[in-house]
Protein backbone atom coordinates (compact mmCIF):
# COMPACT_ATOMS: atom_id res chain seq x y z
CA UNK A 1 -2.74 5.13 13.75
CA UNK A 2 -1.33 2.45 16.05
CA UNK A 3 -3.36 -0.23 14.25
CA UNK A 4 -1.82 0.78 10.93
CA UNK A 5 1.69 0.49 12.37
CA UNK A 6 0.89 -2.96 13.76
CA UNK A 7 -0.42 -4.12 10.38
CA UNK A 8 2.61 -2.69 8.55
CA UNK A 9 4.96 -4.32 11.06
CA UNK A 10 3.21 -7.66 10.68
CA UNK A 11 3.43 -7.40 6.86
CA UNK A 12 7.12 -6.52 7.08
CA UNK A 13 7.88 -9.52 9.30
CA UNK A 14 5.89 -11.83 7.04
CA UNK A 15 7.66 -10.58 3.91
CA UNK A 16 11.04 -10.90 5.63
CA UNK A 17 10.33 -14.53 6.57
CA UNK A 18 9.17 -15.30 3.04
CA UNK A 19 12.29 -13.69 1.59
CA UNK A 20 14.54 -15.77 3.86
CA UNK A 21 12.67 -18.94 2.95
CA UNK A 22 12.99 -18.11 -0.75
CA UNK A 23 16.73 -17.46 -0.43
CA UNK A 24 17.23 -20.78 1.37
CA UNK A 25 15.26 -22.59 -1.34
CA UNK A 26 17.33 -20.92 -4.05
CA UNK A 27 20.51 -21.94 -2.26
CA UNK A 28 19.36 -25.58 -2.07
CA UNK A 29 18.34 -25.48 -5.73
CA UNK A 30 21.69 -24.06 -6.80
CA UNK A 31 23.45 -26.83 -4.88
CA UNK A 32 21.29 -29.42 -6.63
CA UNK A 33 21.90 -27.89 -10.06
CA UNK A 34 25.65 -27.78 -9.51
CA UNK A 35 25.60 -31.44 -8.47
CA UNK A 36 23.81 -32.54 -11.64
CA UNK A 37 26.06 -33.46 -14.53
CA UNK A 38 24.10 -32.71 -17.68
CA UNK A 39 26.52 -34.56 -19.91
CA UNK A 40 26.79 -31.60 -22.24
CA UNK A 41 30.12 -31.63 -23.99
CA UNK A 42 32.19 -28.55 -23.32
CA UNK A 43 33.56 -28.49 -26.85
CA UNK A 44 32.50 -25.32 -28.58
CA UNK A 45 31.49 -25.64 -32.21
CA UNK A 46 32.69 -22.82 -34.41
CA UNK A 47 29.88 -20.93 -36.07
CA UNK A 48 29.82 -20.99 -39.88
CA UNK A 49 27.21 -18.75 -41.47
CA UNK A 50 24.89 -20.57 -43.87
CA UNK A 51 25.90 -18.16 -46.61
CA UNK A 52 29.42 -19.61 -46.62
CA UNK A 53 28.43 -23.24 -46.03
CA UNK A 54 27.88 -25.82 -48.72
CA UNK A 55 24.25 -25.98 -49.85
CA UNK A 56 24.13 -29.78 -49.63
CA UNK A 57 25.35 -29.69 -46.02
CA UNK A 58 22.79 -27.04 -45.04
CA UNK A 59 19.94 -28.97 -46.69
CA UNK A 60 21.07 -32.20 -45.02
CA UNK A 61 21.10 -30.47 -41.63
CA UNK A 62 17.64 -29.00 -42.21
CA UNK A 63 16.22 -32.39 -43.20
CA UNK A 64 17.88 -34.06 -40.21
CA UNK A 65 16.40 -31.43 -37.85
CA UNK A 66 12.95 -31.98 -39.36
CA UNK A 67 13.26 -35.74 -38.98
CA UNK A 68 14.43 -35.40 -35.36
CA UNK A 69 11.55 -33.05 -34.54
CA UNK A 70 9.05 -35.40 -36.20
CA UNK A 71 10.46 -38.36 -34.26
CA UNK A 72 10.25 -36.50 -30.93
CA UNK A 73 6.65 -35.51 -31.70
CA UNK A 74 5.74 -39.12 -32.51
CA UNK A 75 7.35 -40.37 -29.29
CA UNK A 76 5.40 -37.79 -27.25
CA UNK A 77 2.18 -38.71 -29.08
CA UNK A 78 2.72 -42.42 -28.40
CA UNK A 79 3.39 -41.70 -24.72
CA UNK A 80 0.16 -39.69 -24.48
CA UNK A 81 -1.80 -42.54 -26.06
CA UNK A 82 -0.34 -45.08 -23.64
CA UNK A 83 -1.01 -42.77 -20.69
CA UNK A 84 -4.58 -42.24 -21.88
CA UNK A 85 -5.17 -45.97 -22.21
CA UNK A 86 -3.81 -46.53 -18.70
CA UNK A 87 -6.10 -43.85 -17.31
CA UNK A 88 -9.11 -45.24 -19.13
CA UNK A 89 -8.49 -48.81 -17.93
CA UNK A 90 -7.48 -47.88 -14.38
CA UNK A 91 -9.58 -49.32 -11.60
C-alpha cells in the first residue's frame, strides 16, 4: 500500500512539473506571437453573397484564385526540385 502511494505521489509531482513547464512555454509563445506583426490589414471587407454579385466579377475571382493556387503549387514544386538537386549533389 505504501509503495502505491509513493508511485502516485511521484506521478503527481512529475505531472505538476510538466504542467508548469507547459504553462511557461505557452506564456513565452504568447509573448512571441503578440510581438509579431503579421501585416494583416485590419480593414474588414463586407460580405456580399455570390447570389447578389455580378456573374463576371464572381467568375473573375474564381479564375484569379485558381491562377494563384496554380502559381503557389508551381513555386513549391520548383523549390522541391532545387532542394532535391542540392541533396543529390551534396558531399
